[in-house]
Amino acid sequence: MTSTRPFGLFLSLVLIAICTPRDAFAQANQQRGATFGGIAGAIAGGLIGDHNDEAGAGAAIGGVVGAVAGGILGNAADKEAALEQQRAAYYQAQRQQYAAQQQAAVQQSAVTLQDVVSMSRSGLSDQVIINQVRQRGYLGKLVVADIIALHQQGVSENVITALQTVGPPSSPAPVSVARPAPTVVEQRIYRPAPIIIEQHTLPHYPPPHYRHGRRPMFYYHHH
Protein backbone atom coordinates (compact mmCIF):
# COMPACT_ATOMS: atom_id res chain seq x y z
CA MET A 1 0.00 0.00 0.00
CA THR A 2 2.85 2.43 0.72
CA SER A 3 4.31 2.10 -2.79
CA THR A 4 0.94 2.50 -4.50
CA ARG A 5 0.25 5.94 -3.03
CA PRO A 6 3.32 7.67 -4.53
CA PHE A 7 2.50 6.14 -7.88
CA GLY A 8 -1.10 7.32 -7.69
CA LEU A 9 0.07 10.81 -6.77
CA PHE A 10 2.49 10.81 -9.67
CA LEU A 11 -0.24 9.68 -12.07
CA SER A 12 -2.38 12.57 -10.87
CA LEU A 13 0.42 15.00 -11.66
CA VAL A 14 0.83 13.36 -15.06
CA LEU A 15 -2.86 13.81 -15.84
CA ILE A 16 -2.67 17.46 -14.80
CA ALA A 17 0.32 17.96 -17.09
CA ILE A 18 -1.51 16.35 -20.00
CA CYS A 19 -4.67 18.41 -19.49
CA THR A 20 -2.74 21.68 -19.22
CA PRO A 21 -3.14 23.84 -22.36
CA ARG A 22 -0.24 23.81 -24.77
CA ASP A 23 0.31 27.55 -24.33
CA ALA A 24 1.44 26.87 -20.77
CA PHE A 25 4.42 24.93 -22.08
CA ALA A 26 7.27 26.45 -24.04
CA GLN A 27 7.05 25.94 -27.78
CA ALA A 28 10.62 24.68 -27.99
CA ASN A 29 10.95 21.08 -29.12
CA GLN A 30 13.47 20.36 -26.38
CA GLN A 31 11.07 21.31 -23.58
CA ARG A 32 8.15 19.52 -25.20
CA GLY A 33 10.28 16.42 -25.73
CA ALA A 34 11.46 16.44 -22.13
CA THR A 35 7.90 16.90 -20.85
CA PHE A 36 6.22 14.18 -22.87
CA GLY A 37 9.25 11.89 -22.59
CA GLY A 38 9.10 12.21 -18.83
CA ILE A 39 5.37 11.45 -18.82
CA ALA A 40 5.77 8.37 -21.01
CA GLY A 41 8.79 7.18 -19.06
CA ALA A 42 7.02 7.66 -15.74
CA ILE A 43 4.01 5.64 -16.83
CA ALA A 44 6.19 2.85 -18.24
CA GLY A 45 8.43 2.85 -15.17
CA GLY A 46 5.44 2.80 -12.85
CA LEU A 47 3.90 -0.17 -14.63
CA ILE A 48 7.19 -2.07 -14.56
CA GLY A 49 7.87 -1.22 -10.93
CA ASP A 50 4.36 -2.21 -9.91
CA HIS A 51 5.24 -5.86 -10.52
CA ASN A 52 7.92 -5.59 -7.85
CA ASP A 53 5.87 -3.46 -5.45
CA GLU A 54 8.03 -0.44 -6.33
CA ALA A 55 5.64 1.60 -8.44
CA GLY A 56 6.73 4.95 -7.01
CA ALA A 57 10.44 4.30 -7.53
CA GLY A 58 9.84 2.90 -11.00
CA ALA A 59 7.79 5.95 -11.98
CA ALA A 60 10.48 8.31 -10.71
CA ILE A 61 13.29 6.50 -12.52
CA GLY A 62 11.26 6.17 -15.71
CA GLY A 63 10.32 9.85 -15.58
CA VAL A 64 13.94 10.96 -15.30
CA VAL A 65 15.12 8.65 -18.07
CA GLY A 66 12.25 9.64 -20.36
CA ALA A 67 12.79 13.34 -19.74
CA VAL A 68 16.50 13.08 -20.60
CA ALA A 69 15.86 11.07 -23.77
CA GLY A 70 13.02 13.35 -24.87
CA GLY A 71 15.10 16.44 -24.21
CA ILE A 72 17.95 15.11 -26.36
CA LEU A 73 15.63 14.36 -29.26
CA GLY A 74 13.90 17.74 -28.94
CA ASN A 75 17.24 19.55 -28.79
CA ALA A 76 18.27 17.97 -32.10
CA ALA A 77 15.00 19.14 -33.67
CA ASP A 78 15.56 22.66 -32.33
CA LYS A 79 19.05 22.78 -33.85
CA GLU A 80 17.76 21.59 -37.22
CA ALA A 81 14.99 24.23 -37.19
CA ALA A 82 17.50 26.97 -36.32
CA LEU A 83 19.80 25.90 -39.17
CA GLU A 84 16.87 25.90 -41.60
CA GLN A 85 15.97 29.46 -40.57
CA GLN A 86 19.57 30.56 -41.06
CA ARG A 87 19.66 29.01 -44.53
CA ALA A 88 16.40 30.72 -45.51
CA ALA A 89 17.66 34.10 -44.24
CA TYR A 90 20.95 33.69 -46.13
CA TYR A 91 19.09 32.78 -49.33
CA GLN A 92 16.81 35.82 -49.01
CA ALA A 93 19.77 38.14 -48.39
CA GLN A 94 21.54 36.80 -51.49
CA ARG A 95 18.49 37.48 -53.64
CA GLN A 96 18.13 41.02 -52.33
CA GLN A 97 21.81 41.75 -52.87
CA TYR A 98 21.66 40.45 -56.43
CA ALA A 99 18.55 42.52 -57.20
CA ALA A 100 20.24 45.67 -55.86
CA GLN A 101 23.31 45.03 -58.01
CA GLN A 102 21.18 44.53 -61.11
CA GLN A 103 19.25 47.73 -60.45
CA ALA A 104 22.48 49.69 -60.06
CA ALA A 105 23.83 48.22 -63.31
CA VAL A 106 20.64 49.21 -65.16
CA GLN A 107 20.85 52.79 -63.92
CA GLN A 108 24.49 53.08 -64.93
CA SER A 109 23.86 51.75 -68.45
CA ALA A 110 20.99 54.15 -69.26
CA VAL A 111 21.56 57.14 -71.58
CA THR A 112 21.56 60.55 -69.91
CA LEU A 113 20.63 63.89 -71.44
CA GLN A 114 24.27 64.95 -71.18
CA ASP A 115 25.24 61.90 -73.28
CA VAL A 116 22.76 62.92 -75.99
CA VAL A 117 24.04 66.52 -76.05
CA SER A 118 27.66 65.33 -76.27
CA MET A 119 26.91 62.99 -79.19
CA SER A 120 24.99 65.72 -81.04
CA ARG A 121 27.80 68.25 -80.61
CA SER A 122 30.37 65.71 -81.83
CA GLY A 123 28.57 65.54 -85.17
CA LEU A 124 27.09 62.04 -84.96
CA SER A 125 24.06 61.37 -87.11
CA ASP A 126 20.59 61.18 -85.65
CA GLN A 127 20.33 57.48 -86.50
CA VAL A 128 23.45 56.62 -84.50
CA ILE A 129 22.22 58.60 -81.50
CA ILE A 130 18.74 57.06 -81.73
CA ASN A 131 20.23 53.55 -81.85
CA GLN A 132 22.15 54.26 -78.65
CA VAL A 133 19.04 55.57 -76.97
CA ARG A 134 17.05 52.46 -77.97
CA GLN A 135 19.77 50.04 -76.91
CA ARG A 136 20.59 51.60 -73.57
CA GLY A 137 17.23 53.13 -72.74
CA TYR A 138 16.49 56.34 -70.87
CA LEU A 139 15.46 56.70 -67.26
CA GLY A 140 12.96 59.41 -66.50
CA LYS A 141 10.46 61.45 -68.45
CA LEU A 142 11.15 64.57 -70.49
CA VAL A 143 9.42 67.74 -69.34
CA VAL A 144 9.02 71.00 -71.25
CA ALA A 145 12.18 72.51 -69.75
CA ASP A 146 14.21 69.45 -70.83
CA ILE A 147 12.91 69.65 -74.41
CA ILE A 148 13.74 73.37 -74.69
CA ALA A 149 17.22 72.83 -73.24
CA LEU A 150 17.96 69.96 -75.66
CA HIS A 151 16.80 72.03 -78.64
CA GLN A 152 19.01 74.93 -77.58
CA GLN A 153 21.98 72.52 -77.31
CA GLY A 154 21.52 71.46 -80.94
CA VAL A 155 19.73 68.13 -80.45
CA SER A 156 17.43 67.34 -83.37
CA GLU A 157 13.71 66.77 -83.03
CA ASN A 158 14.10 63.11 -84.13
CA VAL A 159 16.41 62.40 -81.21
CA ILE A 160 14.13 64.27 -78.80
CA THR A 161 11.18 62.20 -80.07
CA ALA A 162 13.19 58.99 -79.50
CA LEU A 163 13.87 60.06 -75.91
CA GLN A 164 10.15 60.62 -75.38
CA THR A 165 9.10 57.22 -76.74
CA VAL A 166 11.86 54.96 -75.48
CA GLY A 167 11.40 53.21 -72.15
CA PRO A 168 13.82 52.37 -69.37
CA PRO A 169 16.57 49.87 -70.10
CA SER A 170 15.49 46.25 -69.94
CA SER A 171 16.67 44.36 -66.90
CA PRO A 172 18.80 41.26 -67.53
CA ALA A 173 17.29 37.87 -66.98
CA PRO A 174 17.26 37.00 -63.31
CA VAL A 175 19.86 34.50 -62.25
CA SER A 176 18.67 31.98 -59.71
CA VAL A 177 20.76 31.85 -56.59
CA ALA A 178 21.42 28.28 -55.58
CA ARG A 179 20.26 27.38 -52.14
CA PRO A 180 23.06 26.28 -49.83
CA ALA A 181 23.28 22.60 -49.17
CA PRO A 182 21.61 21.55 -45.92
CA THR A 183 23.95 21.05 -43.03
CA VAL A 184 23.87 17.58 -41.56
CA VAL A 185 24.09 17.58 -37.79
CA GLU A 186 25.07 14.28 -36.23
CA GLN A 187 23.39 13.85 -32.88
CA ARG A 188 24.46 10.88 -30.83
CA ILE A 189 21.88 9.52 -28.43
CA TYR A 190 23.06 7.35 -25.58
CA ARG A 191 20.38 5.05 -24.26
CA PRO A 192 20.60 4.16 -20.58
CA ALA A 193 21.11 0.56 -19.60
CA PRO A 194 17.86 -1.32 -18.99
CA ILE A 195 16.76 -1.81 -15.40
CA ILE A 196 16.62 -5.49 -14.53
CA ILE A 197 14.25 -6.43 -11.74
CA GLU A 198 14.97 -9.83 -10.20
CA GLN A 199 12.17 -11.61 -8.43
CA HIS A 200 13.09 -14.72 -6.45
CA THR A 201 10.44 -17.40 -6.16
CA LEU A 202 10.57 -20.66 -4.22
CA PRO A 203 10.14 -23.85 -6.23
CA HIS A 204 6.89 -25.70 -5.68
CA TYR A 205 7.07 -29.44 -5.03
CA PRO A 206 4.05 -31.73 -4.78
CA PRO A 207 3.42 -33.24 -1.31
CA PRO A 208 4.62 -36.79 -0.74
CA HIS A 209 2.08 -39.52 -1.32
CA TYR A 210 1.98 -42.55 0.96
CA ARG A 211 0.42 -45.80 -0.19
CA HIS A 212 -1.12 -47.98 2.52
CA GLY A 213 -1.01 -51.74 2.07
CA ARG A 214 0.24 -54.96 3.42
CA ARG A 215 3.84 -55.44 4.17
CA PRO A 216 5.54 -57.60 1.60
CA MET A 217 6.08 -61.17 2.56
CA PHE A 218 9.26 -62.98 1.74
CA TYR A 219 9.40 -66.70 1.12
CA TYR A 220 12.55 -68.73 1.63
CA HIS A 221 13.05 -71.99 -0.20
CA HIS A 222 15.19 -74.63 1.51
CA HIS A 223 17.05 -77.04 -0.62
Foldseek 3Di string as FASTA:
>chain_A
DVQVVLLVVVVVVLVVVVPDDPVVWDPQQLRVQLSVQLSVQLVVQLVVCVVVSNNNVRSVVRSVQRNVQRNLVSVVVNVLVVLVVVLVVVQVVVLVVVVVVQVVVLVVQADDLVNQLVCQVVPDDLVVLLVSCQQNPHPDADDPVSVVVSVVSPRDPSNVVSNHPTHRHDTDDDDRDDRDDRDDDDRDDDRDDDDDDDDDDDDDDDDDDDDDDDDDDDDDDDD
